[in-house]
Amino acid sequence: MNISKKLNGDRLDVVLEGRLDTLTAPDLEAELKPDLDSIKELVIDVKSLEYISSAGLRTLLMAKRALHNKGTVKIVGANDIVKEVFSVTGFDSLLDVE
């Protein structure tokens, strides 16, 4: 999986490409954690994400919890496969999925 991120003030934009699964979720967590204390908005672009597993969902939930009461997490660009995973798991009600 490729992860690119851009910090813009108190907003962090992250672009994910490939598969977010058991093997790659720790990489995403390691990329996000250093910035979570200093941001108010996390925008994750998943338009090039081919697959997301429960480990990937847990990582997104960790970010949501870290920003609880001080910021938002927005998932943008989800394809039908990724949207279905969010829907079936109920994560579409936990995260702002566009």
PDB file of N, CA and C in Angstrom:
ATOM      1  N   MET A   1       0.845  -1.179   0.000  1.00  0.00           N
ATOM      2  CA  MET A   1       0.000   0.000   0.000  1.00  0.00           C
ATOM      3  C   MET A   1       0.887   1.237   0.000  1.00  0.00           C
ATOM      4  N   ASN A   2       0.470   2.235  -0.736  1.00  0.00           N
ATOM      5  CA  ASN A   2       1.138   3.527  -0.736  1.00  0.00           C
ATOM      6  C   ASN A   2       0.329   4.501   0.109  1.00  0.00           C
ATOM      7  N   ILE A   3       1.027   5.251   0.951  1.00  0.00           N
ATOM      8  CA  ILE A   3       0.404   6.252   1.810  1.00  0.00           C
ATOM      9  C   ILE A   3       1.106   7.575   1.541  1.00  0.00           C
ATOM     10  N   SER A   4       0.333   8.584   1.181  1.00  0.00           N
ATOM     11  CA  SER A   4       0.918   9.920   1.087  1.00  0.00           C
ATOM     12  C   SER A   4       0.087  10.843   1.960  1.00  0.00           C
ATOM     13  N   LYS A   5       0.768  11.788   2.575  1.00  0.00           N
ATOM     14  CA  LYS A   5       0.045  12.700   3.464  1.00  0.00           C
ATOM     15  C   LYS A   5       0.582  14.111   3.298  1.00  0.00           C
ATOM     16  N   LYS A   6      -0.333  15.047   3.558  1.00  0.00           N
ATOM     17  CA  LYS A   6       0.007  16.464   3.451  1.00  0.00           C
ATOM     18  C   LYS A   6      -0.656  17.197   4.606  1.00  0.00           C
ATOM     19  N   LEU A   7       0.145  17.841   5.407  1.00  0.00           N
ATOM     20  CA  LEU A   7      -0.360  18.615   6.537  1.00  0.00           C
ATOM     21  C   LEU A   7      -0.565  20.046   6.079  1.00  0.00           C
ATOM     22  N   ASN A   8      -1.777  20.553   6.294  1.00  0.00           N
ATOM     23  CA  ASN A   8      -2.132  21.913   5.905  1.00  0.00           C
ATOM     24  C   ASN A   8      -2.784  22.577   7.107  1.00  0.00           C
ATOM     25  N   GLY A   9      -1.987  23.231   7.919  1.00  0.00           N
ATOM     26  CA  GLY A   9      -2.505  23.833   9.140  1.00  0.00           C
ATOM     27  C   GLY A   9      -2.962  22.757  10.109  1.00  0.00           C
ATOM     28  N   ASP A  10      -4.253  22.792  10.472  1.00  0.00           N
ATOM     29  CA  ASP A  10      -4.780  21.775  11.384  1.00  0.00           C
ATOM     30  C   ASP A  10      -5.555  20.689  10.637  1.00  0.00           C
ATOM     31  N   ARG A  11      -5.276  20.570   9.333  1.00  0.00           N
ATOM     32  CA  ARG A  11      -5.913  19.535   8.512  1.00  0.00           C
ATOM     33  C   ARG A  11      -4.826  18.620   7.931  1.00  0.00           C
ATOM     34  N   LEU A  12      -5.076  17.321   8.030  1.00  0.00           N
ATOM     35  CA  LEU A  12      -4.169  16.336   7.449  1.00  0.00           C
ATOM     36  C   LEU A  12      -4.918  15.597   6.349  1.00  0.00           C
ATOM     37  N   ASP A  13      -4.374  15.675   5.130  1.00  0.00           N
ATOM     38  CA  ASP A  13      -4.926  14.944   3.993  1.00  0.00           C
ATOM     39  C   ASP A  13      -4.059  13.714   3.754  1.00  0.00           C
ATOM     40  N   VAL A  14      -4.714  12.564   3.685  1.00  0.00           N
ATOM     41  CA  VAL A  14      -4.013  11.299   3.479  1.00  0.00           C
ATOM     42  C   VAL A  14      -4.615  10.616   2.260  1.00  0.00           C
ATOM     43  N   VAL A  15      -3.763  10.119   1.375  1.00  0.00           N
ATOM     44  CA  VAL A  15      -4.209   9.382   0.194  1.00  0.00           C
ATOM     45  C   VAL A  15      -3.692   7.956   0.322  1.00  0.00           C
ATOM     46  N   LEU A  16      -4.622   6.994   0.205  1.00  0.00           N
ATOM     47  CA  LEU A  16      -4.273   5.579   0.293  1.00  0.00           C
ATOM     48  C   LEU A  16      -4.421   4.919  -1.062  1.00  0.00           C
ATOM     49  N   GLU A  17      -3.457   4.096  -1.424  1.00  0.00           N
ATOM     50  CA  GLU A  17      -3.505   3.346  -2.678  1.00  0.00           C
ATOM     51  C   GLU A  17      -3.157   1.895  -2.393  1.00  0.00           C
ATOM     52  N   GLY A  18      -3.953   0.976  -2.940  1.00  0.00           N
ATOM     53  CA  GLY A  18      -3.661  -0.447  -2.778  1.00  0.00           C
ATOM     54  C   GLY A  18      -4.636  -1.124  -1.831  1.00  0.00           C
ATOM     55  N   ARG A  19      -4.084  -1.889  -0.890  1.00  0.00           N
ATOM     56  CA  ARG A  19      -4.890  -2.675   0.042  1.00  0.00           C
ATOM     57  C   ARG A  19      -4.588  -2.246   1.475  1.00  0.00           C
ATOM     58  N   LEU A  20      -5.641  -1.984   2.234  1.00  0.00           N
ATOM     59  CA  LEU A  20      -5.498  -1.677   3.655  1.00  0.00           C
ATOM     60  C   LEU A  20      -5.960  -2.915   4.412  1.00  0.00           C
ATOM     61  N   ASP A  21      -4.986  -3.698   4.867  1.00  0.00           N
ATOM     62  CA  ASP A  21      -5.300  -4.983   5.491  1.00  0.00           C
ATOM     63  C   ASP A  21      -4.388  -5.214   6.695  1.00  0.00           C
ATOM     64  N   THR A  22      -4.338  -6.444   7.167  1.00  0.00           N
ATOM     65  CA  THR A  22      -3.559  -6.788   8.351  1.00  0.00           C
ATOM     66  C   THR A  22      -2.089  -6.416   8.204  1.00  0.00           C
ATOM     67  N   LEU A  23      -1.566  -6.560   7.014  1.00  0.00           N
ATOM     68  CA  LEU A  23      -0.151  -6.266   6.790  1.00  0.00           C
ATOM     69  C   LEU A  23       0.144  -4.777   6.694  1.00  0.00           C
ATOM     70  N   THR A  24      -0.796  -3.992   6.172  1.00  0.00           N
ATOM     71  CA  THR A  24      -0.533  -2.574   5.922  1.00  0.00           C
ATOM     72  C   THR A  24      -1.156  -1.622   6.942  1.00  0.00           C
ATOM     73  N   ALA A  25      -2.116  -2.098   7.718  1.00  0.00           N
ATOM     74  CA  ALA A  25      -2.762  -1.234   8.720  1.00  0.00           C
ATOM     75  C   ALA A  25      -1.757  -0.664   9.727  1.00  0.00           C
ATOM     76  N   PRO A  26      -0.767  -1.451  10.200  1.00  0.00           N
ATOM     77  CA  PRO A  26       0.221  -0.858  11.115  1.00  0.00           C
ATOM     78  C   PRO A  26       1.015   0.292  10.478  1.00  0.00           C
ATOM     79  N   ASP A  27       1.251   0.210   9.169  1.00  0.00           N
ATOM     80  CA  ASP A  27       1.954   1.298   8.478  1.00  0.00           C
ATOM     81  C   ASP A  27       1.119   2.576   8.504  1.00  0.00           C
ATOM     82  N   LEU A  28      -0.177   2.435   8.250  1.00  0.00           N
ATOM     83  CA  LEU A  28      -1.064   3.601   8.279  1.00  0.00           C
ATOM     84  C   LEU A  28      -1.119   4.184   9.686  1.00  0.00           C
ATOM     85  N   GLU A  29      -1.241   3.333  10.682  1.00  0.00           N
ATOM     86  CA  GLU A  29      -1.282   3.811  12.063  1.00  0.00           C
ATOM     87  C   GLU A  29      -0.008   4.581  12.408  1.00  0.00           C
ATOM     88  N   ALA A  30       1.124   4.051  11.994  1.00  0.00           N
ATOM     89  CA  ALA A  30       2.405   4.719  12.260  1.00  0.00           C
ATOM     90  C   ALA A  30       2.485   6.076  11.559  1.00  0.00           C
ATOM     91  N   GLU A  31       1.892   6.189  10.389  1.00  0.00           N
ATOM     92  CA  GLU A  31       1.882   7.464   9.663  1.00  0.00           C
ATOM     93  C   GLU A  31       0.939   8.484  10.311  1.00  0.00           C
ATOM     94  N   LEU A  32      -0.185   8.011  10.854  1.00  0.00           N
ATOM     95  CA  LEU A  32      -1.189   8.919  11.410  1.00  0.00           C
ATOM     96  C   LEU A  32      -0.853   9.408  12.821  1.00  0.00           C
ATOM     97  N   LYS A  33      -0.385   8.514  13.668  1.00  0.00           N
ATOM     98  CA  LYS A  33      -0.233   8.823  15.097  1.00  0.00           C
ATOM     99  C   LYS A  33       0.539  10.105  15.406  1.00  0.00           C
ATOM    100  N   PRO A  34       1.663  10.376  14.747  1.00  0.00           N
ATOM    101  CA  PRO A  34       2.409  11.585  15.113  1.00  0.00           C
ATOM    102  C   PRO A  34       1.633  12.891  14.889  1.00  0.00           C
ATOM    103  N   ASP A  35       0.666  12.887  13.997  1.00  0.00           N
ATOM    104  CA  ASP A  35      -0.058  14.116  13.660  1.00  0.00           C
ATOM    105  C   ASP A  35      -1.404  14.265  14.360  1.00  0.00           C
ATOM    106  N   LEU A  36      -1.911  13.215  14.973  1.00  0.00           N
ATOM    107  CA  LEU A  36      -3.277  13.250  15.502  1.00  0.00           C
ATOM    108  C   LEU A  36      -3.469  14.254  16.635  1.00  0.00           C
ATOM    109  N   ASP A  37      -2.424  14.542  17.400  1.00  0.00           N
ATOM    110  CA  ASP A  37      -2.566  15.507  18.498  1.00  0.00           C
ATOM    111  C   ASP A  37      -2.643  16.950  18.014  1.00  0.00           C
ATOM    112  N   SER A  38      -2.145  17.208  16.808  1.00  0.00           N
ATOM    113  CA  SER A  38      -2.060  18.594  16.348  1.00  0.00           C
ATOM    114  C   SER A  38      -3.073  18.967  15.267  1.00  0.00           C
ATOM    115  N   ILE A  39      -3.962  18.045  14.911  1.00  0.00           N
ATOM    116  CA  ILE A  39      -4.922  18.356  13.843  1.00  0.00           C
ATOM    117  C   ILE A  39      -6.353  18.378  14.364  1.00  0.00           C
ATOM    118  N   LYS A  40      -7.221  19.004  13.584  1.00  0.00           N
ATOM    119  CA  LYS A  40      -8.648  19.034  13.888  1.00  0.00           C
ATOM    120  C   LYS A  40      -9.455  18.350  12.797  1.00  0.00           C
ATOM    121  N   GLU A  41      -8.823  18.129  11.649  1.00  0.00           N
ATOM    122  CA  GLU A  41      -9.527  17.493  10.539  1.00  0.00           C
ATOM    123  C   GLU A  41      -8.589  16.503   9.854  1.00  0.00           C
ATOM    124  N   LEU A  42      -9.095  15.289   9.691  1.00  0.00           N
ATOM    125  CA  LEU A  42      -8.375  14.246   8.978  1.00  0.00           C
ATOM    126  C   LEU A  42      -9.228  13.830   7.792  1.00  0.00           C
ATOM    127  N   VAL A  43      -8.682  14.003   6.590  1.00  0.00           N
ATOM    128  CA  VAL A  43      -9.388  13.626   5.369  1.00  0.00           C
ATOM    129  C   VAL A  43      -8.596  12.500   4.713  1.00  0.00           C
ATOM    130  N   ILE A  44      -9.258  11.357   4.550  1.00  0.00           N
ATOM    131  CA  ILE A  44      -8.598  10.188   3.971  1.00  0.00           C
ATOM    132  C   ILE A  44      -9.229   9.885   2.623  1.00  0.00           C
ATOM    133  N   ASP A  45      -8.433  10.017   1.581  1.00  0.00           N
ATOM    134  CA  ASP A  45      -8.870   9.761   0.215  1.00  0.00           C
ATOM    135  C   ASP A  45      -8.606   8.289  -0.103  1.00  0.00           C
ATOM    136  N   VAL A  46      -9.685   7.551  -0.353  1.00  0.00           N
ATOM    137  CA  VAL A  46      -9.577   6.108  -0.595  1.00  0.00           C
ATOM    138  C   VAL A  46      -9.965   5.724  -2.019  1.00  0.00           C
ATOM    139  N   LYS A  47      -9.961   6.692  -2.939  1.00  0.00           N
ATOM    140  CA  LYS A  47     -10.409   6.378  -4.294  1.00  0.00           C
ATOM    141  C   LYS A  47      -9.531   5.333  -4.970  1.00  0.00           C
ATOM    142  N   SER A  48      -8.279   5.202  -4.559  1.00  0.00           N
ATOM    143  CA  SER A  48      -7.382   4.199  -5.141  1.00  0.00           C
ATOM    144  C   SER A  48      -7.181   3.005  -4.213  1.00  0.00           C
ATOM    145  N   LEU A  49      -8.049   2.881  -3.223  1.00  0.00           N
ATOM    146  CA  LEU A  49      -7.987   1.733  -2.308  1.00  0.00           C
ATOM    147  C   LEU A  49      -8.775   0.585  -2.924  1.00  0.00           C
ATOM    148  N   GLU A  50      -8.133  -0.557  -3.071  1.00  0.00           N
ATOM    149  CA  GLU A  50      -8.756  -1.723  -3.698  1.00  0.00           C
ATOM    150  C   GLU A  50      -9.501  -2.601  -2.696  1.00  0.00           C
ATOM    151  N   TYR A  51      -9.081  -2.553  -1.434  1.00  0.00           N
ATOM    152  CA  TYR A  51      -9.615  -3.470  -0.430  1.00  0.00           C
ATOM    153  C   TYR A  51      -9.356  -2.881   0.946  1.00  0.00           C
ATOM    154  N   ILE A  52     -10.289  -3.116   1.870  1.00  0.00           N
ATOM    155  CA  ILE A  52     -10.079  -2.740   3.270  1.00  0.00           C
ATOM    156  C   ILE A  52     -10.573  -3.876   4.151  1.00  0.00           C
ATOM    157  N   SER A  53      -9.740  -4.286   5.098  1.00  0.00           N
ATOM    158  CA  SER A  53     -10.087  -5.380   6.009  1.00  0.00           C
ATOM    159  C   SER A  53     -10.484  -4.812   7.371  1.00  0.00           C
ATOM    160  N   SER A  54     -10.815  -5.701   8.282  1.00  0.00           N
ATOM    161  CA  SER A  54     -11.178  -5.273   9.634  1.00  0.00           C
ATOM    162  C   SER A  54     -10.001  -4.581  10.324  1.00  0.00           C
ATOM    163  N   ALA A  55      -8.782  -4.988  10.005  1.00  0.00           N
ATOM    164  CA  ALA A  55      -7.607  -4.323  10.586  1.00  0.00           C
ATOM    165  C   ALA A  55      -7.537  -2.874  10.100  1.00  0.00           C
ATOM    166  N   GLY A  56      -7.853  -2.652   8.844  1.00  0.00           N
ATOM    167  CA  GLY A  56      -7.884  -1.290   8.313  1.00  0.00           C
ATOM    168  C   GLY A  56      -8.976  -0.458   8.961  1.00  0.00           C
ATOM    169  N   LEU A  57     -10.141  -1.077   9.144  1.00  0.00           N
ATOM    170  CA  LEU A  57     -11.244  -0.375   9.814  1.00  0.00           C
ATOM    171  C   LEU A  57     -10.861   0.001  11.240  1.00  0.00           C
ATOM    172  N   ARG A  58     -10.180  -0.900  11.941  1.00  0.00           N
ATOM    173  CA  ARG A  58      -9.740  -0.608  13.311  1.00  0.00           C
ATOM    174  C   ARG A  58      -8.795   0.597  13.337  1.00  0.00           C
ATOM    175  N   THR A  59      -7.928   0.696  12.350  1.00  0.00           N
ATOM    176  CA  THR A  59      -7.001   1.821  12.287  1.00  0.00           C
ATOM    177  C   THR A  59      -7.753   3.133  12.091  1.00  0.00           C
ATOM    178  N   LEU A  60      -8.756   3.119  11.229  1.00  0.00           N
ATOM    179  CA  LEU A  60      -9.576   4.326  11.029  1.00  0.00           C
ATOM    180  C   LEU A  60     -10.336   4.677  12.300  1.00  0.00           C
ATOM    181  N   LEU A  61     -10.823   3.663  13.009  1.00  0.00           N
ATOM    182  CA  LEU A  61     -11.532   3.896  14.268  1.00  0.00           C
ATOM    183  C   LEU A  61     -10.587   4.473  15.320  1.00  0.00           C
ATOM    184  N   MET A  62      -9.341   4.012  15.340  1.00  0.00           N
ATOM    185  CA  MET A  62      -8.344   4.554  16.260  1.00  0.00           C
ATOM    186  C   MET A  62      -8.162   6.051  16.008  1.00  0.00           C
ATOM    187  N   ALA A  63      -8.094   6.428  14.737  1.00  0.00           N
ATOM    188  CA  ALA A  63      -7.944   7.846  14.399  1.00  0.00           C
ATOM    189  C   ALA A  63      -9.169   8.640  14.839  1.00  0.00           C
ATOM    190  N   LYS A  64     -10.339   8.082  14.630  1.00  0.00           N
ATOM    191  CA  LYS A  64     -11.590   8.743  15.036  1.00  0.00           C
ATOM    192  C   LYS A  64     -11.599   8.964  16.546  1.00  0.00           C
ATOM    193  N   ARG A  65     -11.199   7.949  17.287  1.00  0.00           N
ATOM    194  CA  ARG A  65     -11.166   8.078  18.754  1.00  0.00           C
ATOM    195  C   ARG A  65     -10.142   9.113  19.201  1.00  0.00           C
ATOM    196  N   ALA A  66      -9.005   9.162  18.513  1.00  0.00           N
ATOM    197  CA  ALA A  66      -7.967  10.131  18.876  1.00  0.00           C
ATOM    198  C   ALA A  66      -8.447  11.566  18.651  1.00  0.00           C
ATOM    199  N   LEU A  67      -9.309  11.764  17.678  1.00  0.00           N
ATOM    200  CA  LEU A  67      -9.820  13.104  17.384  1.00  0.00           C
ATOM    201  C   LEU A  67     -11.154  13.390  18.064  1.00  0.00           C
ATOM    202  N   HIS A  68     -11.667  12.462  18.847  1.00  0.00           N
ATOM    203  CA  HIS A  68     -12.954  12.619  19.516  1.00  0.00           C
ATOM    204  C   HIS A  68     -12.996  13.942  20.283  1.00  0.00           C
ATOM    205  N   ASN A  69     -14.066  14.683  20.076  1.00  0.00           N
ATOM    206  CA  ASN A  69     -14.320  15.969  20.735  1.00  0.00           C
ATOM    207  C   ASN A  69     -13.373  17.094  20.325  1.00  0.00           C
ATOM    208  N   LYS A  70     -12.457  16.835  19.404  1.00  0.00           N
ATOM    209  CA  LYS A  70     -11.578  17.931  18.981  1.00  0.00           C
ATOM    210  C   LYS A  70     -11.432  18.021  17.469  1.00  0.00           C
ATOM    211  N   GLY A  71     -11.987  17.051  16.743  1.00  0.00           N
ATOM    212  CA  GLY A  71     -11.844  17.088  15.306  1.00  0.00           C
ATOM    213  C   GLY A  71     -12.688  16.046  14.602  1.00  0.00           C
ATOM    214  N   THR A  72     -12.541  15.996  13.272  1.00  0.00           N
ATOM    215  CA  THR A  72     -13.356  15.096  12.466  1.00  0.00           C
ATOM    216  C   THR A  72     -12.482  14.232  11.569  1.00  0.00           C
ATOM    217  N   VAL A  73     -13.065  13.098  11.194  1.00  0.00           N
ATOM    218  CA  VAL A  73     -12.442  12.194  10.227  1.00  0.00           C
ATOM    219  C   VAL A  73     -13.421  12.058   9.070  1.00  0.00           C
ATOM    220  N   LYS A  74     -12.927  12.310   7.864  1.00  0.00           N
ATOM    221  CA  LYS A  74     -13.768  12.210   6.682  1.00  0.00           C
ATOM    222  C   LYS A  74     -13.101  11.260   5.698  1.00  0.00           C
ATOM    223  N   ILE A  75     -13.879  10.307   5.184  1.00  0.00           N
ATOM    224  CA  ILE A  75     -13.412   9.366   4.177  1.00  0.00           C
ATOM    225  C   ILE A  75     -14.003   9.812   2.845  1.00  0.00           C
ATOM    226  N   VAL A  76     -13.149  10.059   1.842  1.00  0.00           N
ATOM    227  CA  VAL A  76     -13.634  10.552   0.553  1.00  0.00           C
ATOM    228  C   VAL A  76     -13.189   9.622  -0.575  1.00  0.00           C
ATOM    229  N   GLY A  77     -13.998   9.602  -1.638  1.00  0.00           N
ATOM    230  CA  GLY A  77     -13.652   8.889  -2.857  1.00  0.00           C
ATOM    231  C   GLY A  77     -13.837   7.390  -2.827  1.00  0.00           C
ATOM    232  N   ALA A  78     -14.604   6.870  -1.876  1.00  0.00           N
ATOM    233  CA  ALA A  78     -14.748   5.416  -1.750  1.00  0.00           C
ATOM    234  C   ALA A  78     -15.438   4.818  -2.968  1.00  0.00           C
ATOM    235  N   ASN A  79     -14.852   3.738  -3.503  1.00  0.00           N
ATOM    236  CA  ASN A  79     -15.494   3.013  -4.599  1.00  0.00           C
ATOM    237  C   ASN A  79     -16.578   2.093  -4.039  1.00  0.00           C
ATOM    238  N   ASP A  80     -17.293   1.405  -4.893  1.00  0.00           N
ATOM    239  CA  ASP A  80     -18.414   0.572  -4.452  1.00  0.00           C
ATOM    240  C   ASP A  80     -17.987  -0.537  -3.499  1.00  0.00           C
ATOM    241  N   ILE A  81     -16.833  -1.137  -3.743  1.00  0.00           N
ATOM    242  CA  ILE A  81     -16.356  -2.230  -2.882  1.00  0.00           C
ATOM    243  C   ILE A  81     -16.080  -1.713  -1.476  1.00  0.00           C
ATOM    244  N   VAL A  82     -15.365  -0.610  -1.381  1.00  0.00           N
ATOM    245  CA  VAL A  82     -15.028  -0.038  -0.074  1.00  0.00           C
ATOM    246  C   VAL A  82     -16.287   0.480   0.619  1.00  0.00           C
ATOM    247  N   LYS A  83     -17.180   1.115  -0.132  1.00  0.00           N
ATOM    248  CA  LYS A  83     -18.444   1.591   0.452  1.00  0.00           C
ATOM    249  C   LYS A  83     -19.247   0.435   1.032  1.00  0.00           C
ATOM    250  N   GLU A  84     -19.249  -0.693   0.336  1.00  0.00           N
ATOM    251  CA  GLU A  84     -19.994  -1.848   0.828  1.00  0.00           C
ATOM    252  C   GLU A  84     -19.428  -2.352   2.152  1.00  0.00           C
ATOM    253  N   VAL A  85     -18.106  -2.371   2.279  1.00  0.00           N
ATOM    254  CA  VAL A  85     -17.485  -2.790   3.542  1.00  0.00           C
ATOM    255  C   VAL A  85     -17.895  -1.850   4.667  1.00  0.00           C
ATOM    256  N   PHE A  86     -17.865  -0.535   4.401  1.00  0.00           N
ATOM    257  CA  PHE A  86     -18.298   0.429   5.415  1.00  0.00           C
ATOM    258  C   PHE A  86     -19.765   0.219   5.778  1.00  0.00           C
ATOM    259  N   SER A  87     -20.598  -0.044   4.793  1.00  0.00           N
ATOM    260  CA  SER A  87     -22.023  -0.226   5.016  1.00  0.00           C
ATOM    261  C   SER A  87     -22.317  -1.499   5.808  1.00  0.00           C
ATOM    262  N   VAL A  88     -21.747  -2.614   5.382  1.00  0.00           N
ATOM    263  CA  VAL A  88     -22.010  -3.910   6.018  1.00  0.00           C
ATOM    264  C   VAL A  88     -21.533  -3.917   7.474  1.00  0.00           C
ATOM    265  N   THR A  89     -20.428  -3.234   7.741  1.00  0.00           N
ATOM    266  CA  THR A  89     -19.871  -3.227   9.095  1.00  0.00           C
ATOM    267  C   THR A  89     -20.478  -2.141   9.978  1.00  0.00           C
ATOM    268  N   GLY A  90     -21.237  -1.222   9.383  1.00  0.00           N
ATOM    269  CA  GLY A  90     -21.812  -0.124  10.141  1.00  0.00           C
ATOM    270  C   GLY A  90     -20.858   1.049  10.318  1.00  0.00           C
ATOM    271  N   PHE A  91     -19.678   0.977   9.731  1.00  0.00           N
ATOM    272  CA  PHE A  91     -18.726   2.061   9.865  1.00  0.00           C
ATOM    273  C   PHE A  91     -19.175   3.321   9.141  1.00  0.00           C
ATOM    274  N   ASP A  92     -20.114   3.179   8.214  1.00  0.00           N
ATOM    275  CA  ASP A  92     -20.630   4.373   7.557  1.00  0.00           C
ATOM    276  C   ASP A  92     -21.420   5.262   8.508  1.00  0.00           C
ATOM    277  N   SER A  93     -21.833   4.703   9.659  1.00  0.00           N
ATOM    278  CA  SER A  93     -22.502   5.526  10.656  1.00  0.00           C
ATOM    279  C   SER A  93     -21.512   6.060  11.696  1.00  0.00           C
ATOM    280  N   LEU A  94     -20.324   5.496  11.743  1.00  0.00           N
ATOM    281  CA  LEU A  94     -19.304   5.957  12.676  1.00  0.00           C
ATOM    282  C   LEU A  94     -18.400   7.031  12.074  1.00  0.00           C
ATOM    283  N   LEU A  95     -18.192   6.943  10.769  1.00  0.00           N
ATOM    284  CA  LEU A  95     -17.320   7.859  10.060  1.00  0.00           C
ATOM    285  C   LEU A  95     -18.097   8.572   8.967  1.00  0.00           C
ATOM    286  N   ASP A  96     -17.633   9.745   8.620  1.00  0.00           N
ATOM    287  CA  ASP A  96     -18.239  10.500   7.535  1.00  0.00           C
ATOM    288  C   ASP A  96     -17.664   9.955   6.223  1.00  0.00           C
ATOM    289  N   VAL A  97     -18.452   9.124   5.536  1.00  0.00           N
ATOM    290  CA  VAL A  97     -18.000   8.489   4.294  1.00  0.00           C
ATOM    291  C   VAL A  97     -18.698   9.142   3.112  1.00  0.00           C
ATOM    292  N   GLU A  98     -17.903   9.688   2.199  1.00  0.00           N
ATOM    293  CA  GLU A  98     -18.467  10.347   1.011  1.00  0.00           C
ATOM    294  C   GLU A  98     -18.128   9.551  -0.219  1.00  0.00           C
TER     295      GLU A  98
END
